[in-house]
Amino acid sequence: VRRALPTAKRRLVGPFIFFDRMGPAILRAGQALDVRPHPHIGLSTVTYLFDGKIRHRDSLGTEMVIQPGDVNLMTAGRGIVHSERTPEELRGAPMSVSGLQTWLALPDDKEEVAPVFENTRALRLPEIDAEGVNGRLIIGDFQGLRSPVRADSETLYADLR
């Protein structure tokens, strides 16, 4: 994992307080992603995979496998515990993993909201195709398109190629 935010000179960009790049990496047979249960409070995390799969489990009882192109928004609010691991059925064989996890500051009046987990499938994300650029709109509004992913702060998050 490489962390682009925060840095010594910049603590945040808009609501983005952490910007982590996972991979790209190949997990060899016998290797796995095993981020054990840990807490979050007062923020939201957005997980977006380019490749690979990650099983998310949390203290709300949510358990799901994050697929490439899907958006997982976990709003911690007053507190949530979660883990991120290689799915059991994929262990024992080589697997590629590549993606982003960004952390978004919640507005002051929403830092203590009830925690919630939301998954938006890739097929529901608006496709961008203009002037040699294509991709998906992850969060926000862009060129008349609107992402169905809820945002507590005005921002723009797009996967452009």
N, C-alpha and C. Protein backbone atom coordinates (compact mmCIF):
# COMPACT_ATOMS: atom_id res chain seq x y z
N VAL A 1 0.85 -1.18 0.00
CA VAL A 1 0.00 0.00 0.00
C VAL A 1 0.89 1.24 0.00
N ARG A 2 0.61 2.14 -0.91
CA ARG A 2 1.30 3.43 -0.96
C ARG A 2 0.30 4.52 -0.59
N ARG A 3 0.70 5.45 0.25
CA ARG A 3 -0.21 6.49 0.74
C ARG A 3 0.18 7.83 0.12
N ALA A 4 -0.74 8.42 -0.66
CA ALA A 4 -0.52 9.72 -1.28
C ALA A 4 -0.97 10.87 -0.37
N LEU A 5 -1.93 10.62 0.48
CA LEU A 5 -2.41 11.60 1.46
C LEU A 5 -2.50 10.92 2.80
N PRO A 6 -2.24 11.58 3.87
CA PRO A 6 -1.71 12.94 3.97
C PRO A 6 -0.20 12.96 3.74
N THR A 7 0.32 14.15 3.51
CA THR A 7 1.76 14.35 3.40
C THR A 7 2.16 15.45 4.38
N ALA A 8 3.44 15.68 4.50
CA ALA A 8 3.91 16.74 5.41
C ALA A 8 3.38 18.11 4.99
N LYS A 9 3.16 18.30 3.68
CA LYS A 9 2.72 19.61 3.19
C LYS A 9 1.22 19.71 2.95
N ARG A 10 0.52 18.58 2.89
CA ARG A 10 -0.92 18.63 2.61
C ARG A 10 -1.62 17.56 3.42
N ARG A 11 -2.55 17.99 4.28
CA ARG A 11 -3.28 17.05 5.13
C ARG A 11 -4.51 16.48 4.45
N LEU A 12 -5.15 17.25 3.55
CA LEU A 12 -6.34 16.77 2.88
C LEU A 12 -6.54 17.50 1.56
N VAL A 13 -7.38 16.90 0.70
CA VAL A 13 -7.83 17.51 -0.54
C VAL A 13 -9.34 17.38 -0.52
N GLY A 14 -10.04 18.52 -0.41
CA GLY A 14 -11.49 18.46 -0.22
C GLY A 14 -11.76 17.62 1.01
N PRO A 15 -12.69 16.67 0.93
CA PRO A 15 -12.96 15.81 2.08
C PRO A 15 -12.00 14.62 2.19
N PHE A 16 -11.11 14.42 1.20
CA PHE A 16 -10.20 13.27 1.20
C PHE A 16 -9.08 13.49 2.21
N ILE A 17 -9.03 12.61 3.24
CA ILE A 17 -7.99 12.74 4.26
C ILE A 17 -6.92 11.66 4.14
N PHE A 18 -7.26 10.52 3.55
CA PHE A 18 -6.28 9.48 3.23
C PHE A 18 -6.55 9.05 1.80
N PHE A 19 -5.49 8.77 1.06
CA PHE A 19 -5.60 8.26 -0.30
C PHE A 19 -4.56 7.17 -0.43
N ASP A 20 -5.01 5.92 -0.39
CA ASP A 20 -4.13 4.76 -0.40
C ASP A 20 -4.28 3.98 -1.70
N ARG A 21 -3.14 3.64 -2.30
CA ARG A 21 -3.10 2.82 -3.52
C ARG A 21 -2.65 1.43 -3.12
N MET A 22 -3.52 0.43 -3.36
CA MET A 22 -3.19 -0.97 -3.08
C MET A 22 -2.65 -1.59 -4.37
N GLY A 23 -1.45 -2.12 -4.32
CA GLY A 23 -0.88 -2.78 -5.49
C GLY A 23 -0.52 -1.79 -6.58
N PRO A 24 -0.49 -2.25 -7.81
CA PRO A 24 -0.83 -3.61 -8.21
C PRO A 24 0.19 -4.61 -7.69
N ALA A 25 -0.32 -5.76 -7.30
CA ALA A 25 0.53 -6.80 -6.74
C ALA A 25 -0.06 -8.17 -7.07
N ILE A 26 0.81 -9.15 -7.09
CA ILE A 26 0.38 -10.54 -7.23
C ILE A 26 0.60 -11.21 -5.89
N LEU A 27 -0.48 -11.72 -5.31
CA LEU A 27 -0.36 -12.53 -4.10
C LEU A 27 -0.13 -13.96 -4.55
N ARG A 28 1.01 -14.51 -4.20
CA ARG A 28 1.36 -15.88 -4.60
C ARG A 28 0.56 -16.89 -3.79
N ALA A 29 0.56 -18.11 -4.25
CA ALA A 29 -0.10 -19.18 -3.50
C ALA A 29 0.43 -19.17 -2.08
N GLY A 30 -0.44 -19.19 -1.11
CA GLY A 30 -0.03 -19.15 0.29
C GLY A 30 -0.01 -17.74 0.86
N GLN A 31 -0.05 -16.71 0.02
CA GLN A 31 -0.12 -15.33 0.50
C GLN A 31 -1.58 -14.88 0.45
N ALA A 32 -1.91 -13.94 1.32
CA ALA A 32 -3.27 -13.42 1.34
C ALA A 32 -3.28 -12.03 1.95
N LEU A 33 -4.31 -11.29 1.65
CA LEU A 33 -4.56 -10.01 2.29
C LEU A 33 -5.32 -10.31 3.58
N ASP A 34 -4.79 -9.92 4.72
CA ASP A 34 -5.44 -10.20 6.00
C ASP A 34 -5.36 -8.98 6.90
N VAL A 35 -6.25 -8.02 6.67
CA VAL A 35 -6.34 -6.86 7.55
C VAL A 35 -7.37 -7.23 8.61
N ARG A 36 -6.88 -7.50 9.80
CA ARG A 36 -7.72 -7.98 10.90
C ARG A 36 -8.70 -6.90 11.36
N PRO A 37 -9.71 -7.28 12.15
CA PRO A 37 -10.71 -6.30 12.61
C PRO A 37 -10.05 -5.10 13.30
N HIS A 38 -10.52 -3.92 12.91
CA HIS A 38 -10.01 -2.66 13.46
C HIS A 38 -11.12 -1.62 13.41
N PRO A 39 -11.08 -0.62 14.29
CA PRO A 39 -12.17 0.37 14.36
C PRO A 39 -11.93 1.59 13.49
N HIS A 40 -13.03 2.24 13.15
CA HIS A 40 -13.03 3.57 12.52
C HIS A 40 -14.10 4.39 13.21
N ILE A 41 -13.87 5.71 13.32
CA ILE A 41 -14.89 6.62 13.82
C ILE A 41 -14.80 7.93 13.05
N GLY A 42 -15.93 8.63 12.91
CA GLY A 42 -15.97 9.99 12.41
C GLY A 42 -15.58 10.20 10.97
N LEU A 43 -15.61 9.16 10.13
CA LEU A 43 -15.22 9.31 8.73
C LEU A 43 -15.91 8.24 7.89
N SER A 44 -15.71 8.33 6.58
CA SER A 44 -16.17 7.28 5.66
C SER A 44 -14.97 6.75 4.90
N THR A 45 -15.01 5.47 4.56
CA THR A 45 -13.99 4.90 3.67
C THR A 45 -14.66 4.48 2.38
N VAL A 46 -13.94 4.64 1.28
CA VAL A 46 -14.41 4.24 -0.03
C VAL A 46 -13.40 3.26 -0.59
N THR A 47 -13.83 2.04 -0.87
CA THR A 47 -12.96 1.03 -1.46
C THR A 47 -13.39 0.80 -2.89
N TYR A 48 -12.41 0.88 -3.82
CA TYR A 48 -12.67 0.74 -5.25
C TYR A 48 -11.54 -0.11 -5.83
N LEU A 49 -11.88 -1.29 -6.33
CA LEU A 49 -10.87 -2.22 -6.86
C LEU A 49 -10.81 -2.17 -8.37
N PHE A 50 -9.58 -2.24 -8.90
CA PHE A 50 -9.36 -2.41 -10.32
C PHE A 50 -9.26 -3.89 -10.66
N ASP A 51 -8.71 -4.66 -9.72
CA ASP A 51 -8.47 -6.08 -9.94
C ASP A 51 -8.46 -6.79 -8.59
N GLY A 52 -8.84 -8.07 -8.59
CA GLY A 52 -8.84 -8.85 -7.36
C GLY A 52 -10.16 -8.76 -6.62
N LYS A 53 -10.22 -9.41 -5.48
CA LYS A 53 -11.43 -9.43 -4.65
C LYS A 53 -11.02 -9.37 -3.19
N ILE A 54 -11.84 -8.68 -2.39
CA ILE A 54 -11.60 -8.56 -0.95
C ILE A 54 -12.91 -8.82 -0.21
N ARG A 55 -12.84 -9.68 0.82
CA ARG A 55 -14.03 -9.92 1.66
C ARG A 55 -14.06 -8.89 2.78
N HIS A 56 -15.16 -8.14 2.85
CA HIS A 56 -15.40 -7.15 3.88
C HIS A 56 -16.36 -7.75 4.91
N ARG A 57 -16.01 -7.63 6.19
CA ARG A 57 -16.89 -8.00 7.29
C ARG A 57 -16.89 -6.85 8.27
N ASP A 58 -18.06 -6.57 8.89
CA ASP A 58 -18.09 -5.48 9.85
C ASP A 58 -19.02 -5.77 11.01
N SER A 59 -18.97 -4.88 12.00
CA SER A 59 -19.75 -5.04 13.23
C SER A 59 -21.24 -4.79 13.04
N LEU A 60 -21.65 -4.38 11.84
CA LEU A 60 -23.08 -4.25 11.53
C LEU A 60 -23.65 -5.59 11.08
N GLY A 61 -22.77 -6.57 10.84
CA GLY A 61 -23.19 -7.88 10.34
C GLY A 61 -23.03 -7.99 8.83
N THR A 62 -22.48 -6.97 8.20
CA THR A 62 -22.27 -7.01 6.76
C THR A 62 -21.12 -7.96 6.43
N GLU A 63 -21.33 -8.79 5.43
CA GLU A 63 -20.25 -9.62 4.89
C GLU A 63 -20.47 -9.68 3.40
N MET A 64 -19.47 -9.20 2.64
CA MET A 64 -19.58 -9.26 1.19
C MET A 64 -18.21 -9.22 0.55
N VAL A 65 -18.15 -9.76 -0.65
CA VAL A 65 -16.90 -9.74 -1.41
C VAL A 65 -16.95 -8.53 -2.34
N ILE A 66 -15.95 -7.67 -2.19
CA ILE A 66 -15.83 -6.49 -3.04
C ILE A 66 -15.29 -6.96 -4.39
N GLN A 67 -16.00 -6.59 -5.46
CA GLN A 67 -15.63 -6.96 -6.82
C GLN A 67 -14.99 -5.77 -7.53
N PRO A 68 -14.14 -6.00 -8.52
CA PRO A 68 -13.57 -4.89 -9.29
C PRO A 68 -14.67 -4.02 -9.90
N GLY A 69 -14.49 -2.69 -9.76
CA GLY A 69 -15.44 -1.74 -10.31
C GLY A 69 -16.57 -1.37 -9.38
N ASP A 70 -16.81 -2.16 -8.33
CA ASP A 70 -17.84 -1.82 -7.35
C ASP A 70 -17.30 -0.74 -6.42
N VAL A 71 -18.22 -0.02 -5.77
CA VAL A 71 -17.84 0.99 -4.78
C VAL A 71 -18.41 0.55 -3.44
N ASN A 72 -17.54 0.40 -2.45
CA ASN A 72 -17.98 0.12 -1.09
C ASN A 72 -17.77 1.38 -0.27
N LEU A 73 -18.85 1.92 0.26
CA LEU A 73 -18.81 3.10 1.10
C LEU A 73 -19.17 2.66 2.51
N MET A 74 -18.23 2.81 3.43
CA MET A 74 -18.46 2.47 4.83
C MET A 74 -18.38 3.76 5.64
N THR A 75 -19.53 4.20 6.12
CA THR A 75 -19.57 5.41 6.94
C THR A 75 -19.49 4.98 8.39
N ALA A 76 -18.38 5.33 9.03
CA ALA A 76 -18.14 4.89 10.40
C ALA A 76 -18.97 5.67 11.40
N GLY A 77 -19.13 6.99 11.17
CA GLY A 77 -19.88 7.79 12.13
C GLY A 77 -19.39 7.58 13.55
N ARG A 78 -20.31 7.20 14.45
CA ARG A 78 -19.91 7.05 15.87
C ARG A 78 -19.11 5.78 16.15
N GLY A 79 -18.94 4.92 15.13
CA GLY A 79 -18.03 3.79 15.31
C GLY A 79 -18.44 2.51 14.62
N ILE A 80 -17.46 1.87 13.99
CA ILE A 80 -17.65 0.58 13.33
C ILE A 80 -16.32 -0.16 13.38
N VAL A 81 -16.39 -1.47 13.39
CA VAL A 81 -15.19 -2.32 13.33
C VAL A 81 -15.34 -3.17 12.06
N HIS A 82 -14.24 -3.28 11.30
CA HIS A 82 -14.32 -4.11 10.09
C HIS A 82 -12.99 -4.79 9.81
N SER A 83 -13.05 -5.80 8.94
CA SER A 83 -11.85 -6.49 8.47
C SER A 83 -11.92 -6.59 6.95
N GLU A 84 -10.73 -6.75 6.34
CA GLU A 84 -10.63 -6.90 4.89
C GLU A 84 -9.66 -8.04 4.63
N ARG A 85 -10.16 -9.08 3.94
CA ARG A 85 -9.34 -10.28 3.76
C ARG A 85 -9.55 -10.89 2.38
N THR A 86 -8.56 -11.66 1.95
CA THR A 86 -8.72 -12.44 0.74
C THR A 86 -9.83 -13.46 0.99
N PRO A 87 -10.81 -13.57 0.09
CA PRO A 87 -11.87 -14.57 0.28
C PRO A 87 -11.29 -15.99 0.39
N GLU A 88 -11.86 -16.77 1.28
CA GLU A 88 -11.38 -18.13 1.53
C GLU A 88 -11.28 -18.95 0.25
N GLU A 89 -12.28 -18.82 -0.63
CA GLU A 89 -12.31 -19.63 -1.84
C GLU A 89 -11.21 -19.26 -2.84
N LEU A 90 -10.53 -18.13 -2.62
CA LEU A 90 -9.45 -17.71 -3.53
C LEU A 90 -8.06 -17.95 -2.95
N ARG A 91 -7.99 -18.38 -1.72
CA ARG A 91 -6.69 -18.63 -1.09
C ARG A 91 -6.07 -19.90 -1.67
N GLY A 92 -4.75 -19.94 -1.71
CA GLY A 92 -4.05 -21.13 -2.20
C GLY A 92 -3.67 -21.05 -3.67
N ALA A 93 -4.16 -20.01 -4.37
CA ALA A 93 -3.80 -19.81 -5.77
C ALA A 93 -3.31 -18.37 -5.93
N PRO A 94 -2.46 -18.12 -6.92
CA PRO A 94 -2.03 -16.73 -7.13
C PRO A 94 -3.23 -15.83 -7.45
N MET A 95 -3.15 -14.59 -6.97
CA MET A 95 -4.25 -13.64 -7.22
C MET A 95 -3.67 -12.24 -7.34
N SER A 96 -4.16 -11.52 -8.31
CA SER A 96 -3.78 -10.12 -8.49
C SER A 96 -4.69 -9.25 -7.63
N VAL A 97 -4.12 -8.19 -7.06
CA VAL A 97 -4.93 -7.22 -6.31
C VAL A 97 -4.43 -5.83 -6.67
N SER A 98 -5.41 -4.93 -6.94
CA SER A 98 -5.09 -3.56 -7.31
C SER A 98 -6.33 -2.71 -7.03
N GLY A 99 -6.13 -1.58 -6.35
CA GLY A 99 -7.28 -0.73 -6.08
C GLY A 99 -6.92 0.49 -5.25
N LEU A 100 -7.95 1.20 -4.86
CA LEU A 100 -7.81 2.40 -4.06
C LEU A 100 -8.69 2.29 -2.82
N GLN A 101 -8.18 2.85 -1.73
CA GLN A 101 -9.04 3.07 -0.58
C GLN A 101 -8.80 4.51 -0.14
N THR A 102 -9.87 5.26 -0.17
CA THR A 102 -9.82 6.66 0.24
C THR A 102 -10.66 6.84 1.49
N TRP A 103 -10.23 7.76 2.33
CA TRP A 103 -10.95 8.08 3.55
C TRP A 103 -11.47 9.49 3.41
N LEU A 104 -12.75 9.67 3.70
CA LEU A 104 -13.40 10.97 3.57
C LEU A 104 -13.79 11.49 4.95
N ALA A 105 -13.42 12.74 5.23
CA ALA A 105 -13.85 13.38 6.48
C ALA A 105 -15.36 13.60 6.40
N LEU A 106 -16.04 13.35 7.48
CA LEU A 106 -17.47 13.67 7.55
C LEU A 106 -17.63 15.11 8.01
N PRO A 107 -18.68 15.79 7.53
CA PRO A 107 -18.95 17.13 8.06
C PRO A 107 -19.15 17.05 9.58
N ASP A 108 -18.81 18.12 10.28
CA ASP A 108 -18.89 18.13 11.75
C ASP A 108 -20.22 17.61 12.28
N ASP A 109 -21.33 17.99 11.63
CA ASP A 109 -22.64 17.59 12.13
C ASP A 109 -22.99 16.13 11.82
N LYS A 110 -22.11 15.42 11.10
CA LYS A 110 -22.38 14.01 10.77
C LYS A 110 -21.35 13.05 11.36
N GLU A 111 -20.39 13.56 12.14
CA GLU A 111 -19.35 12.70 12.69
C GLU A 111 -19.88 11.63 13.64
N GLU A 112 -21.05 11.85 14.24
CA GLU A 112 -21.62 10.91 15.21
C GLU A 112 -22.84 10.17 14.67
N VAL A 113 -23.04 10.13 13.34
CA VAL A 113 -24.19 9.42 12.79
C VAL A 113 -24.03 7.92 13.03
N ALA A 114 -25.14 7.21 12.91
CA ALA A 114 -25.09 5.75 13.02
C ALA A 114 -24.26 5.19 11.87
N PRO A 115 -23.41 4.19 12.13
CA PRO A 115 -22.60 3.61 11.06
C PRO A 115 -23.48 2.92 10.01
N VAL A 116 -23.00 2.92 8.78
CA VAL A 116 -23.73 2.28 7.69
C VAL A 116 -22.73 1.80 6.64
N PHE A 117 -23.06 0.68 6.00
CA PHE A 117 -22.25 0.14 4.91
C PHE A 117 -23.12 0.09 3.66
N GLU A 118 -22.57 0.59 2.54
CA GLU A 118 -23.31 0.60 1.28
C GLU A 118 -22.42 0.11 0.15
N ASN A 119 -22.95 -0.78 -0.68
CA ASN A 119 -22.23 -1.28 -1.85
C ASN A 119 -22.99 -0.85 -3.10
N THR A 120 -22.27 -0.30 -4.06
CA THR A 120 -22.86 0.06 -5.35
C THR A 120 -22.13 -0.74 -6.42
N ARG A 121 -22.86 -1.56 -7.13
CA ARG A 121 -22.28 -2.39 -8.17
C ARG A 121 -21.79 -1.53 -9.35
N ALA A 122 -20.75 -1.99 -10.01
CA ALA A 122 -20.15 -1.28 -11.14
C ALA A 122 -21.19 -0.94 -12.22
N LEU A 123 -22.13 -1.84 -12.45
CA LEU A 123 -23.14 -1.62 -13.50
C LEU A 123 -24.03 -0.41 -13.23
N ARG A 124 -24.11 0.03 -11.97
CA ARG A 124 -24.95 1.18 -11.62
C ARG A 124 -24.20 2.51 -11.75
N LEU A 125 -22.88 2.46 -11.92
CA LEU A 125 -22.09 3.68 -12.01
C LEU A 125 -22.15 4.25 -13.42
N PRO A 126 -22.36 5.56 -13.55
CA PRO A 126 -22.42 6.16 -14.88
C PRO A 126 -21.09 6.00 -15.62
N GLU A 127 -21.19 5.67 -16.91
CA GLU A 127 -20.02 5.55 -17.77
C GLU A 127 -19.71 6.90 -18.40
N ILE A 128 -18.44 7.24 -18.42
CA ILE A 128 -17.97 8.46 -19.05
C ILE A 128 -17.28 8.06 -20.35
N ASP A 129 -17.67 8.70 -21.45
CA ASP A 129 -17.05 8.43 -22.75
C ASP A 129 -17.08 9.72 -23.55
N ALA A 130 -15.96 10.44 -23.55
CA ALA A 130 -15.91 11.73 -24.24
C ALA A 130 -14.50 12.06 -24.68
N GLU A 131 -14.35 12.41 -25.93
CA GLU A 131 -13.09 12.92 -26.47
C GLU A 131 -11.88 12.06 -26.11
N GLY A 132 -12.00 10.75 -26.30
CA GLY A 132 -10.88 9.86 -26.06
C GLY A 132 -10.66 9.49 -24.61
N VAL A 133 -11.55 9.92 -23.73
CA VAL A 133 -11.46 9.60 -22.31
C VAL A 133 -12.68 8.75 -21.95
N ASN A 134 -12.44 7.65 -21.23
CA ASN A 134 -13.59 6.88 -20.75
C ASN A 134 -13.33 6.46 -19.32
N GLY A 135 -14.38 6.04 -18.66
CA GLY A 135 -14.25 5.62 -17.28
C GLY A 135 -15.59 5.57 -16.58
N ARG A 136 -15.54 5.64 -15.25
CA ARG A 136 -16.74 5.59 -14.41
C ARG A 136 -16.76 6.76 -13.45
N LEU A 137 -17.95 7.23 -13.16
CA LEU A 137 -18.14 8.26 -12.15
C LEU A 137 -18.39 7.54 -10.82
N ILE A 138 -17.48 7.72 -9.87
CA ILE A 138 -17.57 7.02 -8.59
C ILE A 138 -18.47 7.78 -7.62
N ILE A 139 -18.18 9.06 -7.39
CA ILE A 139 -18.96 9.91 -6.49
C ILE A 139 -19.10 11.28 -7.12
N GLY A 140 -20.27 11.88 -7.00
CA GLY A 140 -20.46 13.25 -7.43
C GLY A 140 -21.17 13.39 -8.77
N ASP A 141 -21.06 14.60 -9.32
CA ASP A 141 -21.67 14.97 -10.59
C ASP A 141 -20.58 15.37 -11.57
N PHE A 142 -20.76 14.97 -12.84
CA PHE A 142 -19.76 15.31 -13.85
C PHE A 142 -20.42 15.29 -15.23
N GLN A 143 -20.35 16.42 -15.95
CA GLN A 143 -20.84 16.52 -17.32
C GLN A 143 -22.26 15.97 -17.48
N GLY A 144 -23.15 16.34 -16.57
CA GLY A 144 -24.55 15.91 -16.64
C GLY A 144 -24.82 14.53 -16.08
N LEU A 145 -23.79 13.83 -15.62
CA LEU A 145 -23.95 12.51 -15.01
C LEU A 145 -23.94 12.65 -13.50
N ARG A 146 -24.63 11.73 -12.81
CA ARG A 146 -24.66 11.75 -11.35
C ARG A 146 -24.46 10.33 -10.83
N SER A 147 -23.49 10.16 -9.94
CA SER A 147 -23.25 8.85 -9.33
C SER A 147 -24.35 8.55 -8.31
N PRO A 148 -24.77 7.28 -8.22
CA PRO A 148 -25.74 6.91 -7.19
C PRO A 148 -25.11 6.75 -5.80
N VAL A 149 -23.78 6.84 -5.70
CA VAL A 149 -23.10 6.68 -4.42
C VAL A 149 -23.33 7.93 -3.58
N ARG A 150 -23.83 7.74 -2.38
CA ARG A 150 -24.12 8.84 -1.46
C ARG A 150 -22.83 9.55 -1.06
N ALA A 151 -22.92 10.87 -0.95
CA ALA A 151 -21.77 11.66 -0.51
C ALA A 151 -22.24 12.64 0.56
N ASP A 152 -21.50 12.72 1.66
CA ASP A 152 -21.85 13.65 2.73
C ASP A 152 -21.25 15.03 2.52
N SER A 153 -20.30 15.13 1.59
CA SER A 153 -19.68 16.41 1.23
C SER A 153 -19.64 16.49 -0.29
N GLU A 154 -19.73 17.68 -0.81
CA GLU A 154 -19.63 17.84 -2.26
C GLU A 154 -18.21 17.48 -2.70
N THR A 155 -18.10 16.56 -3.63
CA THR A 155 -16.79 16.16 -4.15
C THR A 155 -16.96 15.49 -5.49
N LEU A 156 -15.86 15.24 -6.14
CA LEU A 156 -15.85 14.52 -7.42
C LEU A 156 -14.80 13.42 -7.32
N TYR A 157 -15.21 12.21 -7.68
CA TYR A 157 -14.32 11.05 -7.66
C TYR A 157 -14.65 10.25 -8.91
N ALA A 158 -13.70 10.16 -9.83
CA ALA A 158 -13.92 9.46 -11.09
C ALA A 158 -12.73 8.58 -11.41
N ASP A 159 -13.00 7.47 -12.10
CA ASP A 159 -11.97 6.57 -12.60
C ASP A 159 -11.91 6.82 -14.11
N LEU A 160 -10.89 7.57 -14.55
CA LEU A 160 -10.77 7.95 -15.96
C LEU A 160 -9.57 7.27 -16.60
N ARG A 161 -9.76 6.85 -17.84
CA ARG A 161 -8.68 6.23 -18.63
C ARG A 161 -8.58 6.93 -19.96
